[in-house]
């Protein structure tokens, strides 16, 4: 089974625009179990923080509860202990946690829209791809 780490911006984009590539990725995960999501507690914290930002909140359509929506994903995800550390791989030290979780969780991909992460291309066998490329990999 294909395993992937999704960047916080993928979750935020998915909740704001469910019809876009990030939203389609989450739908394929929840509806079809098309791949496994790997998470660490550091990633969960960042996603919950991002979902709580007022600028994100004002773009969420209808009365969707982003925390409950994310909880559905968390329950189904594969968790890593967060013991593997990666430093200085990304321009943004805050992004290294995604690569660390991918390596520790034996994920093949980190999916992100972040140019700093995408610029890495590959690290220790983990490929960094944008949501559109990942959607092509898992098929529609």
N, C-alpha and C. Protein backbone atom coordinates (compact mmCIF):
# COMPACT_ATOMS: atom_id res chain seq x y z
N UNK A 1 0.85 -1.20 0.00
CA UNK A 1 0.00 0.00 0.00
C UNK A 1 0.88 1.24 0.00
N UNK A 2 0.56 2.17 -0.85
CA UNK A 2 1.27 3.44 -0.96
C UNK A 2 1.06 4.25 0.31
N UNK A 3 2.14 4.80 0.84
CA UNK A 3 2.07 5.63 2.05
C UNK A 3 2.56 7.03 1.74
N UNK A 4 1.90 8.03 2.34
CA UNK A 4 2.28 9.42 2.07
C UNK A 4 2.08 10.28 3.31
N UNK A 5 2.91 11.31 3.42
CA UNK A 5 2.77 12.35 4.43
C UNK A 5 2.22 13.56 3.69
N UNK A 6 1.15 14.15 4.22
CA UNK A 6 0.58 15.34 3.61
C UNK A 6 0.94 16.56 4.45
N UNK A 7 1.38 17.61 3.79
CA UNK A 7 1.73 18.87 4.44
C UNK A 7 0.44 19.54 4.95
N UNK A 8 0.56 20.35 5.98
CA UNK A 8 -0.60 21.06 6.55
C UNK A 8 -1.34 21.85 5.47
N UNK A 9 -0.60 22.42 4.51
CA UNK A 9 -1.28 23.22 3.48
C UNK A 9 -2.19 22.37 2.60
N UNK A 10 -1.92 21.07 2.50
CA UNK A 10 -2.78 20.17 1.73
C UNK A 10 -4.12 20.00 2.47
N UNK A 11 -4.06 19.80 3.78
CA UNK A 11 -5.30 19.65 4.56
C UNK A 11 -6.13 20.94 4.52
N UNK A 12 -5.45 22.08 4.70
CA UNK A 12 -6.16 23.37 4.70
C UNK A 12 -6.81 23.60 3.34
N UNK A 13 -6.07 23.36 2.26
CA UNK A 13 -6.63 23.53 0.92
C UNK A 13 -7.81 22.58 0.69
N UNK A 14 -7.71 21.37 1.21
CA UNK A 14 -8.77 20.38 1.02
C UNK A 14 -10.06 20.80 1.71
N UNK A 15 -9.95 21.40 2.88
CA UNK A 15 -11.16 21.82 3.61
C UNK A 15 -11.77 23.08 2.98
N UNK A 16 -10.94 23.92 2.39
CA UNK A 16 -11.43 25.16 1.77
C UNK A 16 -12.02 24.88 0.38
N UNK A 17 -11.31 24.06 -0.41
CA UNK A 17 -11.77 23.74 -1.76
C UNK A 17 -11.80 22.23 -1.96
N UNK A 18 -12.85 21.57 -1.47
CA UNK A 18 -12.92 20.09 -1.56
C UNK A 18 -12.83 19.56 -2.99
N UNK A 19 -13.19 20.41 -3.97
CA UNK A 19 -13.18 19.94 -5.36
C UNK A 19 -11.77 20.00 -5.98
N UNK A 20 -10.84 20.71 -5.36
CA UNK A 20 -9.48 20.82 -5.90
C UNK A 20 -8.66 19.56 -5.66
N UNK A 21 -7.45 19.49 -6.22
CA UNK A 21 -6.61 18.30 -6.03
C UNK A 21 -6.42 17.88 -4.57
N UNK A 22 -6.11 18.80 -3.63
CA UNK A 22 -5.98 18.35 -2.23
C UNK A 22 -7.26 17.71 -1.70
N UNK A 23 -8.40 18.31 -2.03
CA UNK A 23 -9.68 17.75 -1.59
C UNK A 23 -9.94 16.38 -2.19
N UNK A 24 -9.57 16.22 -3.46
CA UNK A 24 -9.74 14.93 -4.13
C UNK A 24 -8.83 13.87 -3.49
N UNK A 25 -7.64 14.27 -3.08
CA UNK A 25 -6.72 13.34 -2.40
C UNK A 25 -7.35 12.84 -1.11
N UNK A 26 -7.88 13.77 -0.31
CA UNK A 26 -8.51 13.37 0.96
C UNK A 26 -9.73 12.49 0.70
N UNK A 27 -10.51 12.82 -0.31
CA UNK A 27 -11.68 12.00 -0.65
C UNK A 27 -11.26 10.59 -1.03
N UNK A 28 -10.18 10.47 -1.82
CA UNK A 28 -9.69 9.13 -2.22
C UNK A 28 -9.21 8.35 -1.00
N UNK A 29 -8.65 9.06 -0.01
CA UNK A 29 -8.21 8.42 1.23
C UNK A 29 -9.42 7.95 2.04
N UNK A 30 -10.36 8.84 2.27
CA UNK A 30 -11.51 8.52 3.12
C UNK A 30 -12.48 7.55 2.46
N UNK A 31 -12.75 7.73 1.18
CA UNK A 31 -13.76 6.92 0.50
C UNK A 31 -13.21 5.58 0.00
N UNK A 32 -12.00 5.62 -0.56
CA UNK A 32 -11.49 4.42 -1.25
C UNK A 32 -10.28 3.79 -0.58
N UNK A 33 -9.78 4.39 0.50
CA UNK A 33 -8.53 3.91 1.10
C UNK A 33 -7.47 3.68 0.02
N UNK A 34 -7.34 4.66 -0.88
CA UNK A 34 -6.45 4.55 -2.04
C UNK A 34 -4.97 4.56 -1.64
N UNK A 35 -4.68 5.03 -0.43
CA UNK A 35 -3.31 5.08 0.08
C UNK A 35 -3.39 5.26 1.59
N UNK A 36 -2.26 5.17 2.28
CA UNK A 36 -2.21 5.38 3.73
C UNK A 36 -1.58 6.73 4.01
N UNK A 37 -2.16 7.44 4.98
CA UNK A 37 -1.59 8.71 5.43
C UNK A 37 -0.73 8.43 6.66
N UNK A 38 0.48 8.96 6.66
CA UNK A 38 1.38 8.86 7.81
C UNK A 38 1.37 10.21 8.53
N UNK A 39 1.17 10.16 9.84
CA UNK A 39 1.12 11.38 10.66
C UNK A 39 2.04 11.26 11.86
N UNK A 40 2.48 12.40 12.37
CA UNK A 40 3.18 12.47 13.65
C UNK A 40 2.42 13.49 14.49
N UNK A 41 2.64 13.49 15.79
CA UNK A 41 1.93 14.45 16.64
C UNK A 41 2.29 15.89 16.25
N UNK A 42 3.53 16.13 15.80
CA UNK A 42 3.94 17.48 15.39
C UNK A 42 3.14 17.95 14.17
N UNK A 43 2.86 17.03 13.25
CA UNK A 43 2.07 17.38 12.06
C UNK A 43 0.62 17.66 12.46
N UNK A 44 0.06 16.81 13.33
CA UNK A 44 -1.32 17.01 13.80
C UNK A 44 -1.46 18.38 14.46
N UNK A 45 -0.49 18.73 15.31
CA UNK A 45 -0.53 20.04 15.98
C UNK A 45 -0.51 21.18 14.97
N UNK A 46 0.34 21.08 13.95
CA UNK A 46 0.43 22.15 12.96
C UNK A 46 -0.86 22.27 12.15
N UNK A 47 -1.44 21.13 11.78
CA UNK A 47 -2.69 21.16 11.01
C UNK A 47 -3.81 21.77 11.83
N UNK A 48 -3.95 21.36 13.09
CA UNK A 48 -5.01 21.91 13.94
C UNK A 48 -4.83 23.42 14.15
N UNK A 49 -3.57 23.84 14.31
CA UNK A 49 -3.28 25.27 14.46
C UNK A 49 -3.70 26.02 13.18
N UNK A 50 -3.33 25.47 12.03
CA UNK A 50 -3.65 26.11 10.75
C UNK A 50 -5.16 26.16 10.51
N UNK A 51 -5.86 25.09 10.87
CA UNK A 51 -7.32 25.06 10.67
C UNK A 51 -8.03 26.07 11.57
N UNK A 52 -7.37 26.50 12.65
CA UNK A 52 -7.96 27.46 13.57
C UNK A 52 -7.70 28.92 13.22
N UNK A 53 -6.82 29.16 12.24
CA UNK A 53 -6.52 30.54 11.87
C UNK A 53 -7.77 31.23 11.35
N UNK A 54 -8.05 32.48 11.80
CA UNK A 54 -9.22 33.22 11.30
C UNK A 54 -9.24 33.34 9.76
N UNK A 55 -8.07 33.54 9.15
CA UNK A 55 -8.04 33.68 7.68
C UNK A 55 -8.43 32.37 6.98
N UNK A 56 -8.22 31.23 7.65
CA UNK A 56 -8.64 29.94 7.09
C UNK A 56 -10.13 29.76 7.35
N UNK A 57 -10.54 30.01 8.59
CA UNK A 57 -11.93 29.85 9.02
C UNK A 57 -12.92 30.58 8.10
N UNK A 58 -12.56 31.80 7.70
CA UNK A 58 -13.52 32.60 6.92
C UNK A 58 -13.73 32.04 5.51
N UNK A 59 -12.84 31.14 5.05
CA UNK A 59 -12.97 30.56 3.71
C UNK A 59 -13.67 29.20 3.70
N UNK A 60 -13.94 28.66 4.88
CA UNK A 60 -14.58 27.34 4.95
C UNK A 60 -16.07 27.50 4.65
N UNK A 61 -16.53 26.73 3.67
CA UNK A 61 -17.92 26.84 3.22
C UNK A 61 -18.87 26.11 4.16
N UNK A 62 -20.09 26.63 4.20
CA UNK A 62 -21.14 25.96 4.97
C UNK A 62 -20.81 25.93 6.45
N UNK A 63 -21.29 24.90 7.12
CA UNK A 63 -21.06 24.81 8.56
C UNK A 63 -20.13 23.63 8.87
N UNK A 64 -19.23 23.34 7.94
CA UNK A 64 -18.26 22.26 8.15
C UNK A 64 -17.41 22.56 9.38
N UNK A 65 -17.16 21.54 10.18
CA UNK A 65 -16.28 21.68 11.34
C UNK A 65 -14.93 21.09 10.97
N UNK A 66 -13.93 21.96 10.69
CA UNK A 66 -12.65 21.44 10.22
C UNK A 66 -11.95 20.50 11.20
N UNK A 67 -12.13 20.73 12.50
CA UNK A 67 -11.49 19.85 13.48
C UNK A 67 -12.09 18.44 13.44
N UNK A 68 -13.43 18.36 13.35
CA UNK A 68 -14.08 17.05 13.25
C UNK A 68 -13.69 16.34 11.96
N UNK A 69 -13.64 17.11 10.88
CA UNK A 69 -13.25 16.57 9.58
C UNK A 69 -11.83 15.99 9.66
N UNK A 70 -10.93 16.74 10.29
CA UNK A 70 -9.55 16.27 10.42
C UNK A 70 -9.46 15.06 11.34
N UNK A 71 -10.31 15.03 12.37
CA UNK A 71 -10.32 13.90 13.30
C UNK A 71 -10.62 12.59 12.57
N UNK A 72 -11.53 12.64 11.58
CA UNK A 72 -11.83 11.44 10.78
C UNK A 72 -10.58 10.92 10.09
N UNK A 73 -9.74 11.83 9.64
CA UNK A 73 -8.50 11.45 8.96
C UNK A 73 -7.50 10.89 9.97
N UNK A 74 -7.37 11.57 11.11
CA UNK A 74 -6.41 11.16 12.15
C UNK A 74 -6.69 9.73 12.61
N UNK A 75 -7.97 9.41 12.80
CA UNK A 75 -8.36 8.08 13.28
C UNK A 75 -7.92 6.98 12.30
N UNK A 76 -7.92 7.29 11.02
CA UNK A 76 -7.58 6.30 9.99
C UNK A 76 -6.10 6.29 9.59
N UNK A 77 -5.35 7.28 10.07
CA UNK A 77 -3.95 7.43 9.65
C UNK A 77 -3.03 6.48 10.42
N UNK A 78 -1.84 6.30 9.87
CA UNK A 78 -0.78 5.53 10.52
C UNK A 78 0.10 6.53 11.26
N UNK A 79 0.32 6.30 12.56
CA UNK A 79 1.12 7.24 13.34
C UNK A 79 2.55 6.75 13.52
N UNK A 80 3.48 7.70 13.49
CA UNK A 80 4.87 7.41 13.83
C UNK A 80 5.15 8.04 15.18
N UNK A 81 6.12 7.50 15.87
CA UNK A 81 6.45 7.98 17.21
C UNK A 81 7.08 9.37 17.20
N UNK A 82 7.64 9.75 16.06
CA UNK A 82 8.29 11.06 15.98
C UNK A 82 9.70 11.04 16.52
N UNK A 83 10.32 9.85 16.51
CA UNK A 83 11.68 9.71 17.05
C UNK A 83 12.76 10.01 16.02
N UNK A 84 12.41 9.90 14.74
CA UNK A 84 13.39 10.16 13.68
C UNK A 84 13.51 11.67 13.48
N UNK A 85 14.73 12.17 13.44
CA UNK A 85 14.92 13.61 13.24
C UNK A 85 15.65 13.87 11.94
N UNK A 86 15.22 14.90 11.27
CA UNK A 86 15.86 15.36 10.05
C UNK A 86 16.11 16.84 10.25
N UNK A 87 17.33 17.28 10.00
CA UNK A 87 17.64 18.70 10.19
C UNK A 87 18.30 19.28 8.94
N UNK A 88 17.85 20.48 8.61
CA UNK A 88 18.51 21.22 7.53
C UNK A 88 18.27 20.71 6.13
N UNK A 89 17.25 19.87 5.95
CA UNK A 89 16.96 19.37 4.61
C UNK A 89 16.17 20.42 3.83
N UNK A 90 15.19 21.03 4.50
CA UNK A 90 14.39 22.07 3.87
C UNK A 90 14.95 23.44 4.22
N UNK A 91 14.68 24.42 3.35
CA UNK A 91 15.06 25.81 3.63
C UNK A 91 14.38 26.27 4.92
N UNK A 92 13.16 25.78 5.15
CA UNK A 92 12.37 26.12 6.33
C UNK A 92 12.50 24.98 7.34
N UNK A 93 13.21 25.20 8.45
CA UNK A 93 13.42 24.12 9.43
C UNK A 93 12.11 23.51 9.94
N UNK A 94 11.02 24.30 9.89
CA UNK A 94 9.72 23.82 10.33
C UNK A 94 9.18 22.71 9.42
N UNK A 95 9.69 22.64 8.19
CA UNK A 95 9.21 21.64 7.23
C UNK A 95 9.91 20.28 7.37
N UNK A 96 11.02 20.25 8.09
CA UNK A 96 11.77 18.99 8.22
C UNK A 96 10.93 17.88 8.88
N UNK A 97 9.94 18.26 9.70
CA UNK A 97 9.12 17.25 10.37
C UNK A 97 8.35 16.37 9.38
N UNK A 98 8.02 16.93 8.21
CA UNK A 98 7.30 16.14 7.21
C UNK A 98 8.20 15.06 6.62
N UNK A 99 9.43 15.43 6.34
CA UNK A 99 10.38 14.48 5.78
C UNK A 99 10.73 13.43 6.84
N UNK A 100 10.91 13.87 8.07
CA UNK A 100 11.23 12.94 9.16
C UNK A 100 10.11 11.91 9.34
N UNK A 101 8.87 12.36 9.32
CA UNK A 101 7.73 11.44 9.47
C UNK A 101 7.67 10.46 8.31
N UNK A 102 7.97 10.95 7.11
CA UNK A 102 7.94 10.08 5.93
C UNK A 102 9.01 9.00 6.02
N UNK A 103 10.21 9.38 6.42
CA UNK A 103 11.30 8.40 6.55
C UNK A 103 10.95 7.40 7.65
N UNK A 104 10.53 7.90 8.81
CA UNK A 104 10.20 7.02 9.93
C UNK A 104 9.01 6.10 9.60
N UNK A 105 8.03 6.63 8.87
CA UNK A 105 6.83 5.85 8.56
C UNK A 105 6.93 5.09 7.24
N UNK A 106 8.12 5.05 6.66
CA UNK A 106 8.35 4.34 5.40
C UNK A 106 7.36 4.80 4.32
N UNK A 107 7.11 6.11 4.27
CA UNK A 107 6.22 6.67 3.23
C UNK A 107 7.05 6.95 1.99
N UNK A 108 6.45 6.75 0.85
CA UNK A 108 7.14 6.98 -0.42
C UNK A 108 7.10 8.45 -0.82
N UNK A 109 6.11 9.19 -0.28
CA UNK A 109 5.88 10.56 -0.74
C UNK A 109 5.59 11.52 0.40
N UNK A 110 6.02 12.78 0.20
CA UNK A 110 5.52 13.91 0.97
C UNK A 110 4.78 14.75 -0.06
N UNK A 111 3.51 15.05 0.22
CA UNK A 111 2.68 15.82 -0.70
C UNK A 111 2.55 17.23 -0.14
N UNK A 112 2.92 18.23 -0.95
CA UNK A 112 2.94 19.60 -0.46
C UNK A 112 2.80 20.59 -1.61
N UNK A 113 2.29 21.76 -1.29
CA UNK A 113 2.28 22.85 -2.26
C UNK A 113 3.37 23.85 -1.93
N UNK A 114 4.17 23.56 -0.91
CA UNK A 114 5.20 24.46 -0.42
C UNK A 114 6.44 24.40 -1.32
N UNK A 115 6.79 25.53 -1.96
CA UNK A 115 7.95 25.55 -2.86
C UNK A 115 9.26 25.11 -2.18
N UNK A 116 9.44 25.44 -0.89
CA UNK A 116 10.65 25.02 -0.17
C UNK A 116 10.76 23.50 -0.12
N UNK A 117 9.65 22.84 0.18
CA UNK A 117 9.66 21.37 0.24
C UNK A 117 9.79 20.77 -1.16
N UNK A 118 9.05 21.29 -2.10
CA UNK A 118 9.08 20.74 -3.46
C UNK A 118 10.45 20.88 -4.11
N UNK A 119 11.22 21.89 -3.71
CA UNK A 119 12.56 22.11 -4.26
C UNK A 119 13.52 20.97 -3.90
N UNK A 120 13.20 20.20 -2.86
CA UNK A 120 14.07 19.11 -2.43
C UNK A 120 13.98 17.92 -3.39
N UNK A 121 12.82 17.70 -3.97
CA UNK A 121 12.56 16.62 -4.93
C UNK A 121 12.58 15.23 -4.30
N UNK A 122 13.68 14.89 -3.59
CA UNK A 122 13.81 13.54 -3.04
C UNK A 122 14.79 13.57 -1.87
N UNK A 123 14.48 12.81 -0.83
CA UNK A 123 15.38 12.69 0.32
C UNK A 123 15.23 11.30 0.92
N UNK A 124 16.34 10.57 1.02
CA UNK A 124 16.35 9.21 1.59
C UNK A 124 15.23 8.35 1.01
N UNK A 125 15.03 8.44 -0.30
CA UNK A 125 14.03 7.60 -0.96
C UNK A 125 12.62 8.15 -0.91
N UNK A 126 12.41 9.28 -0.24
CA UNK A 126 11.08 9.89 -0.17
C UNK A 126 11.00 10.96 -1.26
N UNK A 127 9.98 10.84 -2.11
CA UNK A 127 9.79 11.83 -3.17
C UNK A 127 8.85 12.93 -2.69
N UNK A 128 9.16 14.19 -3.03
CA UNK A 128 8.32 15.32 -2.67
C UNK A 128 7.58 15.77 -3.92
N UNK A 129 6.25 15.71 -3.87
CA UNK A 129 5.43 16.01 -5.04
C UNK A 129 4.29 16.95 -4.67
N UNK A 130 3.77 17.65 -5.67
CA UNK A 130 2.62 18.51 -5.41
C UNK A 130 1.32 17.68 -5.46
N UNK A 131 0.21 18.24 -4.96
CA UNK A 131 -1.04 17.48 -4.92
C UNK A 131 -1.49 16.94 -6.28
N UNK A 132 -1.34 17.74 -7.32
CA UNK A 132 -1.78 17.29 -8.65
C UNK A 132 -1.00 16.05 -9.11
N UNK A 133 0.31 16.05 -8.89
CA UNK A 133 1.14 14.90 -9.27
C UNK A 133 0.76 13.67 -8.44
N UNK A 134 0.51 13.87 -7.14
CA UNK A 134 0.13 12.73 -6.28
C UNK A 134 -1.22 12.16 -6.69
N UNK A 135 -2.15 13.02 -7.06
CA UNK A 135 -3.46 12.58 -7.50
C UNK A 135 -3.33 11.70 -8.74
N UNK A 136 -2.43 12.08 -9.65
CA UNK A 136 -2.19 11.24 -10.84
C UNK A 136 -1.64 9.88 -10.43
N UNK A 137 -0.75 9.87 -9.43
CA UNK A 137 -0.14 8.61 -8.98
C UNK A 137 -1.17 7.65 -8.38
N UNK A 138 -2.12 8.17 -7.63
CA UNK A 138 -3.12 7.28 -7.00
C UNK A 138 -4.31 7.02 -7.91
N UNK A 139 -4.36 7.73 -9.02
CA UNK A 139 -5.47 7.54 -9.97
C UNK A 139 -6.73 8.23 -9.46
N UNK A 140 -7.57 8.61 -10.36
CA UNK A 140 -8.79 9.32 -9.94
C UNK A 140 -9.81 8.31 -9.56
